[in-house]
Protein backbone atom coordinates (compact mmCIF):
# COMPACT_ATOMS: atom_id res chain seq x y z
CA MET A 1 -16.94 20.28 28.11
CA ASN A 2 -15.49 19.48 31.53
CA LEU A 3 -12.54 21.23 33.19
CA THR A 4 -10.02 18.52 32.19
CA GLN A 5 -11.15 18.67 28.59
CA LEU A 6 -10.97 22.48 28.61
CA ASN A 7 -7.43 22.49 30.06
CA LEU A 8 -6.22 19.87 27.58
CA SER A 9 -7.83 21.78 24.71
CA ASN A 10 -5.81 24.84 25.70
CA CYS A 11 -2.66 22.70 25.79
CA ILE A 12 -3.21 21.47 22.24
CA GLN A 13 -2.87 25.02 20.97
CA ARG A 14 0.54 25.55 22.61
CA SER A 15 3.53 26.28 20.43
CA SER A 16 5.50 23.24 21.65
CA PHE A 17 4.90 20.31 19.31
CA TYR A 18 5.65 17.73 21.99
CA PHE A 19 3.41 19.39 24.56
CA SER A 20 0.45 19.74 22.18
CA SER A 21 0.95 16.17 20.87
CA SER A 22 0.88 14.80 24.40
CA ALA A 23 -2.30 16.72 25.25
CA CYS A 24 -3.94 15.55 22.03
CA GLY A 25 -2.95 11.95 22.78
CA LEU A 26 -4.43 12.14 26.27
CA MET A 27 -7.70 13.52 24.95
CA VAL A 28 -7.98 10.87 22.23
CA SER A 29 -7.18 8.01 24.66
CA ASN A 30 -9.87 9.25 27.09
CA ASN A 31 -12.48 9.74 24.34
CA LEU A 32 -12.51 13.50 24.84
CA LEU A 33 -11.45 14.20 21.28
CA THR A 34 -12.18 12.43 18.01
CA TYR A 35 -9.08 12.23 15.88
CA ASN A 36 -8.96 10.81 12.37
CA GLU A 37 -5.48 10.00 11.09
CA PRO A 38 -4.94 11.75 7.77
CA TYR A 39 -4.73 9.36 4.83
CA LEU A 40 -1.38 9.99 3.21
CA GLU A 41 -0.90 9.09 -0.40
CA PRO A 42 2.31 7.17 -0.98
CA ASP A 43 5.17 8.71 -2.85
CA LEU A 44 4.16 8.31 -6.47
CA THR A 45 7.70 8.29 -7.80
CA LYS A 46 8.50 4.92 -9.26
CA SER A 47 11.49 2.89 -8.19
CA GLU A 48 14.63 2.86 -10.29
CA GLU A 49 13.79 -0.62 -11.63
CA VAL A 50 10.43 0.55 -12.99
CA ARG A 51 11.60 3.94 -14.27
CA LYS A 52 14.73 2.59 -15.98
CA PRO A 53 14.22 -1.10 -16.59
CA ARG A 54 17.23 -3.28 -17.29
CA VAL A 55 18.01 -3.99 -20.89
CA LYS A 56 16.01 -7.00 -22.06
CA SER A 57 19.07 -8.93 -23.20
CA GLU A 58 20.51 -9.06 -19.64
CA ASN A 59 17.67 -11.17 -18.20
CA PRO A 60 15.29 -12.23 -20.95
CA GLY A 61 11.95 -13.39 -19.63
CA LEU A 62 12.67 -12.37 -16.04
CA ALA A 63 9.62 -10.51 -14.72
CA TYR A 64 9.86 -7.93 -11.98
CA LEU A 65 7.19 -7.66 -9.27
CA LYS A 66 7.54 -5.69 -6.06
CA VAL A 67 4.71 -5.11 -3.56
CA TYR A 68 5.22 -2.86 -0.53
CA PRO A 69 4.87 -2.03 2.33
CA ASN A 70 4.76 -5.45 3.91
CA PRO A 71 2.90 -5.73 6.22
CA ALA A 72 0.40 -3.29 4.75
CA LYS A 73 -2.53 -1.45 6.27
CA ASP A 74 -4.45 0.95 4.02
CA PHE A 75 -2.65 0.60 0.68
CA VAL A 76 0.04 -1.27 -1.19
CA THR A 77 2.21 -0.14 -4.03
CA ILE A 78 2.63 -2.68 -6.82
CA GLU A 79 5.54 -2.16 -9.19
CA TYR A 80 5.90 -4.49 -12.15
CA ASN A 81 7.70 -5.09 -15.41
CA THR A 82 6.54 -8.00 -17.59
CA TRP A 83 9.26 -7.52 -20.26
CA ASN A 84 6.61 -8.39 -22.83
CA ASP A 85 4.48 -5.81 -24.60
CA LYS A 86 2.68 -8.28 -26.90
CA THR A 87 0.65 -10.32 -24.40
CA HIS A 88 -2.32 -9.78 -22.16
CA ASP A 89 -0.89 -9.00 -18.68
CA VAL A 90 -2.87 -9.15 -15.42
CA ILE A 91 -2.21 -8.53 -11.73
CA GLU A 92 -4.27 -10.70 -9.37
CA VAL A 93 -4.65 -10.75 -5.60
CA ILE A 94 -5.54 -14.08 -3.98
CA ASP A 95 -6.67 -14.39 -0.34
CA GLU A 96 -5.86 -17.17 2.16
CA SER A 97 -8.78 -19.31 1.00
CA GLY A 98 -7.66 -19.18 -2.65
CA ARG A 99 -10.30 -16.70 -3.83
CA LYS A 100 -9.39 -13.97 -6.28
CA VAL A 101 -10.22 -10.69 -4.48
CA PHE A 102 -8.73 -8.30 -7.03
CA SER A 103 -7.77 -8.45 -10.68
CA LYS A 104 -6.65 -5.74 -13.05
CA ASN A 105 -5.65 -5.84 -16.69
CA LEU A 106 -2.37 -4.06 -17.17
CA GLY A 107 -2.19 -1.61 -20.01
CA ARG A 108 1.56 -1.19 -19.98
CA GLN A 109 4.60 -3.43 -19.95
CA PHE A 110 5.89 -1.74 -16.79
CA ASP A 111 4.27 0.64 -14.32
CA GLN A 112 3.21 1.19 -10.73
CA ILE A 113 -0.25 0.72 -9.18
CA ILE A 114 -1.48 2.03 -5.82
CA LEU A 115 -4.06 -0.44 -4.47
CA ASP A 116 -6.44 0.56 -1.66
CA THR A 117 -6.58 -2.38 0.79
CA ARG A 118 -8.90 -0.88 3.40
CA ASN A 119 -11.71 -3.19 2.26
CA PHE A 120 -9.53 -6.32 2.41
CA LYS A 121 -9.74 -8.50 5.51
CA SER A 122 -6.62 -8.83 7.63
CA GLY A 123 -4.58 -11.81 6.51
CA SER A 124 -2.04 -13.14 4.05
CA TYR A 125 -2.41 -12.46 0.32
CA ILE A 126 -0.62 -13.58 -2.81
CA PHE A 127 -0.08 -10.97 -5.50
CA ARG A 128 0.42 -12.68 -8.88
CA LEU A 129 1.63 -11.23 -12.15
CA ALA A 130 0.35 -13.14 -15.19
CA SER A 131 1.38 -12.72 -18.79
CA GLY A 132 -0.84 -14.55 -21.22
CA ASP A 133 -1.68 -17.87 -19.56
CA LYS A 134 1.51 -18.05 -17.40
CA TYR A 135 2.23 -16.72 -13.93
CA ILE A 136 5.52 -14.87 -14.20
CA GLY A 137 5.85 -13.37 -10.74
CA SER A 138 4.34 -13.45 -7.28
CA ALA A 139 4.70 -11.79 -3.89
CA ASN A 140 3.26 -12.65 -0.47
CA VAL A 141 1.92 -9.71 1.52
CA ILE A 142 0.31 -9.52 4.94
CA ILE A 143 -2.52 -7.01 5.37
CA SER A 144 -3.16 -6.01 8.96
CA HIS A 145 -5.82 -3.49 9.98
């Protein structure tokens, strides 16, 4: 440990958040400290649309699909409502070349899924919601690592 590294290490332990953050940033940028960003789980509370879906008679057959954040990095949250509990529902993720990179059978008419995208290549993806043999919703999402 050299003198600069020792002095910055002492600064990290200061009570001032801004001072210690600056020292930590300097050490990381000069490869004097290895810092791994903590992986934060997204808020698992569902949106109002998923928790309290609209009455079916208002918009019969209108599926709900929301994918966020966009652009995404490490994860996306997929919220859906198929409005149909009698068919086989699936969520699919299609990459830029048209290949299916993810598929999941949905066990419920409406819910929320947290999808880890760290193994996806950076690029544009189409998230499709299928009910039976019909696509009933889609969303375009950019994944950027």
